[in-house]
Amino acid sequence: MEGKYKKCEDLDVWKLAHELRLKVYIIAKFLPKDERYGLMSQIKRSSESISANIAEGHGRFHFQENIQFCRVARGSLSETKDHLIFIRDAKLIKKNK
């Protein structure tokens, strides 16, 4: 059954996005409390958007619609990456965590 899938959860890209989302939620727990409604909220929402848009695009049966949702997912991935870089560079999480 190689190369064939029926649901978005079978897609490797969705699996990776889901794994990233789970890891972001773990990272978010270690952010300072004063970031709860700022950065913490933003990074959670941007990481959620990646797999959610892949899933929604998969649910569309028109190729062009699917492509548009994949583009949105790619944008959310870039946003999540930017937040993670900022967290690292601003040293918002202690290395031992």
PDB file of N, CA and C in Angstrom:
ATOM      1  N   MET A   1       0.832  -1.201   0.000  1.00  0.00           N
ATOM      2  CA  MET A   1       0.000   0.000   0.000  1.00  0.00           C
ATOM      3  C   MET A   1       0.870   1.256   0.000  1.00  0.00           C
ATOM      4  N   GLU A   2       2.087   1.120  -0.415  1.00  0.00           N
ATOM      5  CA  GLU A   2       3.005   2.243  -0.441  1.00  0.00           C
ATOM      6  C   GLU A   2       2.496   3.339  -1.378  1.00  0.00           C
ATOM      7  N   GLY A   3       2.593   4.601  -0.900  1.00  0.00           N
ATOM      8  CA  GLY A   3       2.167   5.720  -1.723  1.00  0.00           C
ATOM      9  C   GLY A   3       0.671   5.976  -1.704  1.00  0.00           C
ATOM     10  N   LYS A   4      -0.081   5.149  -1.003  1.00  0.00           N
ATOM     11  CA  LYS A   4      -1.523   5.348  -0.941  1.00  0.00           C
ATOM     12  C   LYS A   4      -1.929   5.633   0.492  1.00  0.00           C
ATOM     13  N   TYR A   5      -2.888   6.496   0.648  1.00  0.00           N
ATOM     14  CA  TYR A   5      -3.401   6.831   1.972  1.00  0.00           C
ATOM     15  C   TYR A   5      -4.855   7.225   1.833  1.00  0.00           C
ATOM     16  N   LYS A   6      -5.577   7.134   2.915  1.00  0.00           N
ATOM     17  CA  LYS A   6      -6.987   7.490   2.894  1.00  0.00           C
ATOM     18  C   LYS A   6      -7.310   8.656   3.806  1.00  0.00           C
ATOM     19  N   LYS A   7      -6.516   8.839   4.837  1.00  0.00           N
ATOM     20  CA  LYS A   7      -6.787   9.916   5.782  1.00  0.00           C
ATOM     21  C   LYS A   7      -5.523  10.737   6.005  1.00  0.00           C
ATOM     22  N   CYS A   8      -5.705  11.955   6.447  1.00  0.00           N
ATOM     23  CA  CYS A   8      -4.553  12.845   6.594  1.00  0.00           C
ATOM     24  C   CYS A   8      -3.560  12.324   7.621  1.00  0.00           C
ATOM     25  N   GLU A   9      -4.028  11.568   8.612  1.00  0.00           N
ATOM     26  CA  GLU A   9      -3.129  11.026   9.626  1.00  0.00           C
ATOM     27  C   GLU A   9      -2.114  10.040   9.045  1.00  0.00           C
ATOM     28  N   ASP A  10      -2.360   9.570   7.832  1.00  0.00           N
ATOM     29  CA  ASP A  10      -1.419   8.671   7.154  1.00  0.00           C
ATOM     30  C   ASP A  10      -0.270   9.429   6.479  1.00  0.00           C
ATOM     31  N   LEU A  11      -0.427  10.711   6.309  1.00  0.00           N
ATOM     32  CA  LEU A  11       0.596  11.521   5.635  1.00  0.00           C
ATOM     33  C   LEU A  11       1.789  11.764   6.557  1.00  0.00           C
ATOM     34  N   ASP A  12       2.992  11.537   6.054  1.00  0.00           N
ATOM     35  CA  ASP A  12       4.192  11.780   6.860  1.00  0.00           C
ATOM     36  C   ASP A  12       4.277  13.234   7.309  1.00  0.00           C
ATOM     37  N   VAL A  13       3.890  14.148   6.443  1.00  0.00           N
ATOM     38  CA  VAL A  13       3.970  15.566   6.781  1.00  0.00           C
ATOM     39  C   VAL A  13       3.010  15.905   7.922  1.00  0.00           C
ATOM     40  N   TRP A  14       1.843  15.283   7.943  1.00  0.00           N
ATOM     41  CA  TRP A  14       0.906  15.513   9.053  1.00  0.00           C
ATOM     42  C   TRP A  14       1.485  14.938  10.346  1.00  0.00           C
ATOM     43  N   LYS A  15       2.085  13.747  10.255  1.00  0.00           N
ATOM     44  CA  LYS A  15       2.677  13.115  11.444  1.00  0.00           C
ATOM     45  C   LYS A  15       3.776  13.995  12.043  1.00  0.00           C
ATOM     46  N   LEU A  16       4.609  14.570  11.184  1.00  0.00           N
ATOM     47  CA  LEU A  16       5.678  15.454  11.656  1.00  0.00           C
ATOM     48  C   LEU A  16       5.102  16.726  12.281  1.00  0.00           C
ATOM     49  N   ALA A  17       4.084  17.275  11.656  1.00  0.00           N
ATOM     50  CA  ALA A  17       3.447  18.482  12.187  1.00  0.00           C
ATOM     51  C   ALA A  17       2.815  18.197  13.549  1.00  0.00           C
ATOM     52  N   HIS A  18       2.195  17.051  13.680  1.00  0.00           N
ATOM     53  CA  HIS A  18       1.572  16.662  14.948  1.00  0.00           C
ATOM     54  C   HIS A  18       2.631  16.496  16.034  1.00  0.00           C
ATOM     55  N   GLU A  19       3.737  15.858  15.688  1.00  0.00           N
ATOM     56  CA  GLU A  19       4.839  15.669  16.633  1.00  0.00           C
ATOM     57  C   GLU A  19       5.405  17.018  17.075  1.00  0.00           C
ATOM     58  N   LEU A  20       5.572  17.931  16.138  1.00  0.00           N
ATOM     59  CA  LEU A  20       6.051  19.280  16.471  1.00  0.00           C
ATOM     60  C   LEU A  20       5.086  19.958  17.428  1.00  0.00           C
ATOM     61  N   ARG A  21       3.807  19.859  17.145  1.00  0.00           N
ATOM     62  CA  ARG A  21       2.781  20.475  18.006  1.00  0.00           C
ATOM     63  C   ARG A  21       2.886  19.941  19.437  1.00  0.00           C
ATOM     64  N   LEU A  22       3.040  18.631  19.593  1.00  0.00           N
ATOM     65  CA  LEU A  22       3.168  18.043  20.925  1.00  0.00           C
ATOM     66  C   LEU A  22       4.410  18.570  21.636  1.00  0.00           C
ATOM     67  N   LYS A  23       5.518  18.691  20.911  1.00  0.00           N
ATOM     68  CA  LYS A  23       6.754  19.192  21.512  1.00  0.00           C
ATOM     69  C   LYS A  23       6.645  20.671  21.886  1.00  0.00           C
ATOM     70  N   VAL A  24       5.963  21.440  21.063  1.00  0.00           N
ATOM     71  CA  VAL A  24       5.758  22.860  21.368  1.00  0.00           C
ATOM     72  C   VAL A  24       4.950  23.011  22.656  1.00  0.00           C
ATOM     73  N   TYR A  25       3.959  22.169  22.838  1.00  0.00           N
ATOM     74  CA  TYR A  25       3.157  22.233  24.063  1.00  0.00           C
ATOM     75  C   TYR A  25       4.015  21.932  25.295  1.00  0.00           C
ATOM     76  N   ILE A  26       4.966  21.017  25.165  1.00  0.00           N
ATOM     77  CA  ILE A  26       5.874  20.729  26.281  1.00  0.00           C
ATOM     78  C   ILE A  26       6.769  21.930  26.545  1.00  0.00           C
ATOM     79  N   ILE A  27       7.319  22.493  25.492  1.00  0.00           N
ATOM     80  CA  ILE A  27       8.184  23.675  25.625  1.00  0.00           C
ATOM     81  C   ILE A  27       7.415  24.825  26.261  1.00  0.00           C
ATOM     82  N   ALA A  28       6.178  25.026  25.843  1.00  0.00           N
ATOM     83  CA  ALA A  28       5.367  26.149  26.341  1.00  0.00           C
ATOM     84  C   ALA A  28       5.167  26.083  27.853  1.00  0.00           C
ATOM     85  N   LYS A  29       5.154  24.894  28.405  1.00  0.00           N
ATOM     86  CA  LYS A  29       4.986  24.742  29.865  1.00  0.00           C
ATOM     87  C   LYS A  29       6.133  25.382  30.639  1.00  0.00           C
ATOM     88  N   PHE A  30       7.296  25.491  30.006  1.00  0.00           N
ATOM     89  CA  PHE A  30       8.476  26.010  30.681  1.00  0.00           C
ATOM     90  C   PHE A  30       8.698  27.511  30.451  1.00  0.00           C
ATOM     91  N   LEU A  31       7.829  28.122  29.668  1.00  0.00           N
ATOM     92  CA  LEU A  31       7.956  29.565  29.451  1.00  0.00           C
ATOM     93  C   LEU A  31       7.563  30.317  30.715  1.00  0.00           C
ATOM     94  N   PRO A  32       8.109  31.509  30.908  1.00  0.00           N
ATOM     95  CA  PRO A  32       7.738  32.296  32.085  1.00  0.00           C
ATOM     96  C   PRO A  32       6.232  32.576  32.108  1.00  0.00           C
ATOM     97  N   LYS A  33       5.689  32.656  33.311  1.00  0.00           N
ATOM     98  CA  LYS A  33       4.243  32.888  33.476  1.00  0.00           C
ATOM     99  C   LYS A  33       3.780  34.171  32.788  1.00  0.00           C
ATOM    100  N   ASP A  34       4.638  35.197  32.759  1.00  0.00           N
ATOM    101  CA  ASP A  34       4.223  36.458  32.128  1.00  0.00           C
ATOM    102  C   ASP A  34       4.090  36.347  30.615  1.00  0.00           C
ATOM    103  N   GLU A  35       4.489  35.210  30.046  1.00  0.00           N
ATOM    104  CA  GLU A  35       4.329  34.974  28.603  1.00  0.00           C
ATOM    105  C   GLU A  35       3.083  34.148  28.290  1.00  0.00           C
ATOM    106  N   ARG A  36       2.286  33.825  29.312  1.00  0.00           N
ATOM    107  CA  ARG A  36       1.121  32.958  29.132  1.00  0.00           C
ATOM    108  C   ARG A  36       0.167  33.473  28.052  1.00  0.00           C
ATOM    109  N   TYR A  37      -0.079  34.760  28.008  1.00  0.00           N
ATOM    110  CA  TYR A  37      -1.031  35.304  27.033  1.00  0.00           C
ATOM    111  C   TYR A  37      -0.339  35.965  25.848  1.00  0.00           C
ATOM    112  N   GLY A  38       0.948  35.901  25.827  1.00  0.00           N
ATOM    113  CA  GLY A  38       1.709  36.466  24.719  1.00  0.00           C
ATOM    114  C   GLY A  38       2.326  35.374  23.881  1.00  0.00           C
ATOM    115  N   LEU A  39       3.601  35.186  24.094  1.00  0.00           N
ATOM    116  CA  LEU A  39       4.365  34.219  23.306  1.00  0.00           C
ATOM    117  C   LEU A  39       3.824  32.799  23.435  1.00  0.00           C
ATOM    118  N   MET A  40       3.451  32.400  24.652  1.00  0.00           N
ATOM    119  CA  MET A  40       2.942  31.043  24.846  1.00  0.00           C
ATOM    120  C   MET A  40       1.701  30.794  23.993  1.00  0.00           C
ATOM    121  N   SER A  41       0.802  31.726  23.998  1.00  0.00           N
ATOM    122  CA  SER A  41      -0.417  31.607  23.199  1.00  0.00           C
ATOM    123  C   SER A  41      -0.089  31.592  21.706  1.00  0.00           C
ATOM    124  N   GLN A  42       0.801  32.464  21.286  1.00  0.00           N
ATOM    125  CA  GLN A  42       1.164  32.571  19.870  1.00  0.00           C
ATOM    126  C   GLN A  42       1.806  31.297  19.334  1.00  0.00           C
ATOM    127  N   ILE A  43       2.765  30.759  20.085  1.00  0.00           N
ATOM    128  CA  ILE A  43       3.478  29.580  19.579  1.00  0.00           C
ATOM    129  C   ILE A  43       2.569  28.354  19.575  1.00  0.00           C
ATOM    130  N   LYS A  44       1.679  28.275  20.554  1.00  0.00           N
ATOM    131  CA  LYS A  44       0.732  27.151  20.551  1.00  0.00           C
ATOM    132  C   LYS A  44      -0.197  27.244  19.348  1.00  0.00           C
ATOM    133  N   ARG A  45      -0.718  28.437  19.094  1.00  0.00           N
ATOM    134  CA  ARG A  45      -1.650  28.601  17.970  1.00  0.00           C
ATOM    135  C   ARG A  45      -0.970  28.388  16.632  1.00  0.00           C
ATOM    136  N   SER A  46       0.254  28.875  16.476  1.00  0.00           N
ATOM    137  CA  SER A  46       0.929  28.690  15.183  1.00  0.00           C
ATOM    138  C   SER A  46       1.262  27.216  14.950  1.00  0.00           C
ATOM    139  N   SER A  47       1.654  26.495  16.006  1.00  0.00           N
ATOM    140  CA  SER A  47       1.957  25.065  15.832  1.00  0.00           C
ATOM    141  C   SER A  47       0.691  24.257  15.581  1.00  0.00           C
ATOM    142  N   GLU A  48      -0.419  24.648  16.203  1.00  0.00           N
ATOM    143  CA  GLU A  48      -1.708  23.984  15.955  1.00  0.00           C
ATOM    144  C   GLU A  48      -2.122  24.143  14.503  1.00  0.00           C
ATOM    145  N   SER A  49      -1.862  25.307  13.969  1.00  0.00           N
ATOM    146  CA  SER A  49      -2.290  25.655  12.622  1.00  0.00           C
ATOM    147  C   SER A  49      -1.626  24.803  11.544  1.00  0.00           C
ATOM    148  N   ILE A  50      -0.422  24.321  11.811  1.00  0.00           N
ATOM    149  CA  ILE A  50       0.298  23.538  10.803  1.00  0.00           C
ATOM    150  C   ILE A  50      -0.468  22.260  10.473  1.00  0.00           C
ATOM    151  N   SER A  51      -0.649  21.409  11.465  1.00  0.00           N
ATOM    152  CA  SER A  51      -1.334  20.137  11.212  1.00  0.00           C
ATOM    153  C   SER A  51      -2.805  20.345  10.879  1.00  0.00           C
ATOM    154  N   ALA A  52      -3.421  21.370  11.482  1.00  0.00           N
ATOM    155  CA  ALA A  52      -4.838  21.635  11.201  1.00  0.00           C
ATOM    156  C   ALA A  52      -5.050  22.017   9.741  1.00  0.00           C
ATOM    157  N   ASN A  53      -4.158  22.823   9.179  1.00  0.00           N
ATOM    158  CA  ASN A  53      -4.299  23.215   7.778  1.00  0.00           C
ATOM    159  C   ASN A  53      -3.981  22.071   6.824  1.00  0.00           C
ATOM    160  N   ILE A  54      -3.044  21.220   7.205  1.00  0.00           N
ATOM    161  CA  ILE A  54      -2.776  20.035   6.387  1.00  0.00           C
ATOM    162  C   ILE A  54      -4.026  19.159   6.357  1.00  0.00           C
ATOM    163  N   ALA A  55      -4.628  18.973   7.526  1.00  0.00           N
ATOM    164  CA  ALA A  55      -5.844  18.156   7.613  1.00  0.00           C
ATOM    165  C   ALA A  55      -6.994  18.782   6.830  1.00  0.00           C
ATOM    166  N   GLU A  56      -7.173  20.083   6.969  1.00  0.00           N
ATOM    167  CA  GLU A  56      -8.275  20.733   6.255  1.00  0.00           C
ATOM    168  C   GLU A  56      -8.059  20.686   4.747  1.00  0.00           C
ATOM    169  N   GLY A  57      -6.838  20.911   4.313  1.00  0.00           N
ATOM    170  CA  GLY A  57      -6.539  20.821   2.882  1.00  0.00           C
ATOM    171  C   GLY A  57      -6.784  19.430   2.347  1.00  0.00           C
ATOM    172  N   HIS A  58      -6.442  18.432   3.141  1.00  0.00           N
ATOM    173  CA  HIS A  58      -6.668  17.048   2.743  1.00  0.00           C
ATOM    174  C   HIS A  58      -8.164  16.773   2.580  1.00  0.00           C
ATOM    175  N   GLY A  59      -8.962  17.426   3.396  1.00  0.00           N
ATOM    176  CA  GLY A  59     -10.411  17.243   3.333  1.00  0.00           C
ATOM    177  C   GLY A  59     -11.059  17.911   2.132  1.00  0.00           C
ATOM    178  N   ARG A  60     -10.330  18.782   1.481  1.00  0.00           N
ATOM    179  CA  ARG A  60     -10.830  19.427   0.263  1.00  0.00           C
ATOM    180  C   ARG A  60     -10.517  18.507  -0.905  1.00  0.00           C
ATOM    181  N   PHE A  61     -11.418  18.404  -1.811  1.00  0.00           N
ATOM    182  CA  PHE A  61     -11.219  17.467  -2.912  1.00  0.00           C
ATOM    183  C   PHE A  61     -10.736  18.130  -4.193  1.00  0.00           C
ATOM    184  N   HIS A  62     -10.447  19.415  -4.094  1.00  0.00           N
ATOM    185  CA  HIS A  62      -9.926  20.129  -5.253  1.00  0.00           C
ATOM    186  C   HIS A  62      -8.452  20.428  -4.999  1.00  0.00           C
ATOM    187  N   PHE A  63      -7.637  20.050  -5.936  1.00  0.00           N
ATOM    188  CA  PHE A  63      -6.191  20.169  -5.813  1.00  0.00           C
ATOM    189  C   PHE A  63      -5.758  21.593  -5.452  1.00  0.00           C
ATOM    190  N   GLN A  64      -6.330  22.591  -6.117  1.00  0.00           N
ATOM    191  CA  GLN A  64      -5.930  23.981  -5.870  1.00  0.00           C
ATOM    192  C   GLN A  64      -6.271  24.424  -4.446  1.00  0.00           C
ATOM    193  N   GLU A  65      -7.403  23.972  -3.914  1.00  0.00           N
ATOM    194  CA  GLU A  65      -7.742  24.303  -2.525  1.00  0.00           C
ATOM    195  C   GLU A  65      -6.749  23.665  -1.570  1.00  0.00           C
ATOM    196  N   ASN A  66      -6.407  22.409  -1.821  1.00  0.00           N
ATOM    197  CA  ASN A  66      -5.449  21.714  -0.975  1.00  0.00           C
ATOM    198  C   ASN A  66      -4.115  22.460  -0.966  1.00  0.00           C
ATOM    199  N   ILE A  67      -3.677  22.904  -2.119  1.00  0.00           N
ATOM    200  CA  ILE A  67      -2.415  23.648  -2.217  1.00  0.00           C
ATOM    201  C   ILE A  67      -2.457  24.906  -1.354  1.00  0.00           C
ATOM    202  N   GLN A  68      -3.570  25.606  -1.381  1.00  0.00           N
ATOM    203  CA  GLN A  68      -3.680  26.840  -0.589  1.00  0.00           C
ATOM    204  C   GLN A  68      -3.555  26.546   0.909  1.00  0.00           C
ATOM    205  N   PHE A  69      -4.188  25.488   1.372  1.00  0.00           N
ATOM    206  CA  PHE A  69      -4.075  25.138   2.789  1.00  0.00           C
ATOM    207  C   PHE A  69      -2.653  24.709   3.134  1.00  0.00           C
ATOM    208  N   CYS A  70      -1.971  24.061   2.208  1.00  0.00           N
ATOM    209  CA  CYS A  70      -0.567  23.689   2.427  1.00  0.00           C
ATOM    210  C   CYS A  70       0.306  24.941   2.515  1.00  0.00           C
ATOM    211  N   ARG A  71      -0.012  25.939   1.746  1.00  0.00           N
ATOM    212  CA  ARG A  71       0.738  27.206   1.823  1.00  0.00           C
ATOM    213  C   ARG A  71       0.536  27.871   3.177  1.00  0.00           C
ATOM    214  N   VAL A  72      -0.683  27.850   3.674  1.00  0.00           N
ATOM    215  CA  VAL A  72      -0.966  28.426   4.998  1.00  0.00           C
ATOM    216  C   VAL A  72      -0.203  27.633   6.062  1.00  0.00           C
ATOM    217  N   ALA A  73      -0.194  26.308   5.941  1.00  0.00           N
ATOM    218  CA  ALA A  73       0.543  25.464   6.889  1.00  0.00           C
ATOM    219  C   ALA A  73       2.031  25.809   6.874  1.00  0.00           C
ATOM    220  N   ARG A  74       2.579  26.030   5.682  1.00  0.00           N
ATOM    221  CA  ARG A  74       3.993  26.397   5.565  1.00  0.00           C
ATOM    222  C   ARG A  74       4.260  27.740   6.251  1.00  0.00           C
ATOM    223  N   GLY A  75       3.352  28.672   6.105  1.00  0.00           N
ATOM    224  CA  GLY A  75       3.497  29.962   6.788  1.00  0.00           C
ATOM    225  C   GLY A  75       3.457  29.799   8.303  1.00  0.00           C
ATOM    226  N   SER A  76       2.571  28.945   8.792  1.00  0.00           N
ATOM    227  CA  SER A  76       2.488  28.688  10.234  1.00  0.00           C
ATOM    228  C   SER A  76       3.737  27.988  10.742  1.00  0.00           C
ATOM    229  N   LEU A  77       4.318  27.132   9.914  1.00  0.00           N
ATOM    230  CA  LEU A  77       5.567  26.473  10.282  1.00  0.00           C
ATOM    231  C   LEU A  77       6.681  27.512  10.429  1.00  0.00           C
ATOM    232  N   SER A  78       6.751  28.448   9.507  1.00  0.00           N
ATOM    233  CA  SER A  78       7.769  29.504   9.582  1.00  0.00           C
ATOM    234  C   SER A  78       7.557  30.366  10.827  1.00  0.00           C
ATOM    235  N   GLU A  79       6.304  30.652  11.154  1.00  0.00           N
ATOM    236  CA  GLU A  79       5.999  31.438  12.352  1.00  0.00           C
ATOM    237  C   GLU A  79       6.435  30.678  13.610  1.00  0.00           C
ATOM    238  N   THR A  80       6.127  29.405  13.666  1.00  0.00           N
ATOM    239  CA  THR A  80       6.513  28.589  14.822  1.00  0.00           C
ATOM    240  C   THR A  80       8.033  28.557  14.964  1.00  0.00           C
ATOM    241  N   LYS A  81       8.724  28.385  13.852  1.00  0.00           N
ATOM    242  CA  LYS A  81      10.191  28.373  13.872  1.00  0.00           C
ATOM    243  C   LYS A  81      10.736  29.685  14.413  1.00  0.00           C
ATOM    244  N   ASP A  82      10.151  30.797  13.983  1.00  0.00           N
ATOM    245  CA  ASP A  82      10.583  32.109  14.456  1.00  0.00           C
ATOM    246  C   ASP A  82      10.403  32.232  15.973  1.00  0.00           C
ATOM    247  N   HIS A  83       9.268  31.771  16.482  1.00  0.00           N
ATOM    248  CA  HIS A  83       9.025  31.814  17.926  1.00  0.00           C
ATOM    249  C   HIS A  83      10.050  30.967  18.677  1.00  0.00           C
ATOM    250  N   LEU A  84      10.354  29.779  18.152  1.00  0.00           N
ATOM    251  CA  LEU A  84      11.331  28.904  18.811  1.00  0.00           C
ATOM    252  C   LEU A  84      12.726  29.522  18.816  1.00  0.00           C
ATOM    253  N   ILE A  85      13.100  30.164  17.732  1.00  0.00           N
ATOM    254  CA  ILE A  85      14.394  30.842  17.668  1.00  0.00           C
ATOM    255  C   ILE A  85      14.451  31.956  18.698  1.00  0.00           C
ATOM    256  N   PHE A  86      13.360  32.712  18.822  1.00  0.00           N
ATOM    257  CA  PHE A  86      13.306  33.799  19.806  1.00  0.00           C
ATOM    258  C   PHE A  86      13.426  33.254  21.227  1.00  0.00           C
ATOM    259  N   ILE A  87      12.700  32.171  21.517  1.00  0.00           N
ATOM    260  CA  ILE A  87      12.761  31.561  22.851  1.00  0.00           C
ATOM    261  C   ILE A  87      14.193  31.158  23.175  1.00  0.00           C
ATOM    262  N   ARG A  88      14.870  30.567  22.207  1.00  0.00           N
ATOM    263  CA  ARG A  88      16.266  30.160  22.401  1.00  0.00           C
ATOM    264  C   ARG A  88      17.174  31.373  22.602  1.00  0.00           C
ATOM    265  N   ASP A  89      17.070  32.343  21.700  1.00  0.00           N
ATOM    266  CA  ASP A  89      17.979  33.489  21.737  1.00  0.00           C
ATOM    267  C   ASP A  89      17.740  34.388  22.946  1.00  0.00           C
ATOM    268  N   ALA A  90      16.495  34.494  23.382  1.00  0.00           N
ATOM    269  CA  ALA A  90      16.167  35.314  24.553  1.00  0.00           C
ATOM    270  C   ALA A  90      16.391  34.542  25.854  1.00  0.00           C
ATOM    271  N   LYS A  91      16.772  33.272  25.720  1.00  0.00           N
ATOM    272  CA  LYS A  91      17.038  32.404  26.882  1.00  0.00           C
ATOM    273  C   LYS A  91      15.857  32.390  27.841  1.00  0.00           C
ATOM    274  N   LEU A  92      14.658  32.213  27.272  1.00  0.00           N
ATOM    275  CA  LEU A  92      13.456  32.197  28.089  1.00  0.00           C
ATOM    276  C   LEU A  92      13.236  30.877  28.826  1.00  0.00           C
ATOM    277  N   ILE A  93      13.970  29.853  28.420  1.00  0.00           N
ATOM    278  CA  ILE A  93      13.888  28.564  29.091  1.00  0.00           C
ATOM    279  C   ILE A  93      15.295  28.170  29.527  1.00  0.00           C
ATOM    280  N   LYS A  94      15.408  27.761  30.766  1.00  0.00           N
ATOM    281  CA  LYS A  94      16.706  27.339  31.302  1.00  0.00           C
ATOM    282  C   LYS A  94      17.168  26.067  30.592  1.00  0.00           C
ATOM    283  N   LYS A  95      18.447  25.949  30.342  1.00  0.00           N
ATOM    284  CA  LYS A  95      18.997  24.795  29.615  1.00  0.00           C
ATOM    285  C   LYS A  95      18.704  23.465  30.298  1.00  0.00           C
ATOM    286  N   ASN A  96      18.632  23.445  31.628  1.00  0.00           N
ATOM    287  CA  ASN A  96      18.407  22.175  32.334  1.00  0.00           C
ATOM    288  C   ASN A  96      16.975  21.672  32.156  1.00  0.00           C
ATOM    289  N   LYS A  97      16.093  22.498  31.619  1.00  0.00           N
ATOM    290  CA  LYS A  97      14.725  22.072  31.381  1.00  0.00           C
ATOM    291  C   LYS A  97      14.580  21.594  29.965  1.00  0.00           C
TER     292      LYS A  97
END
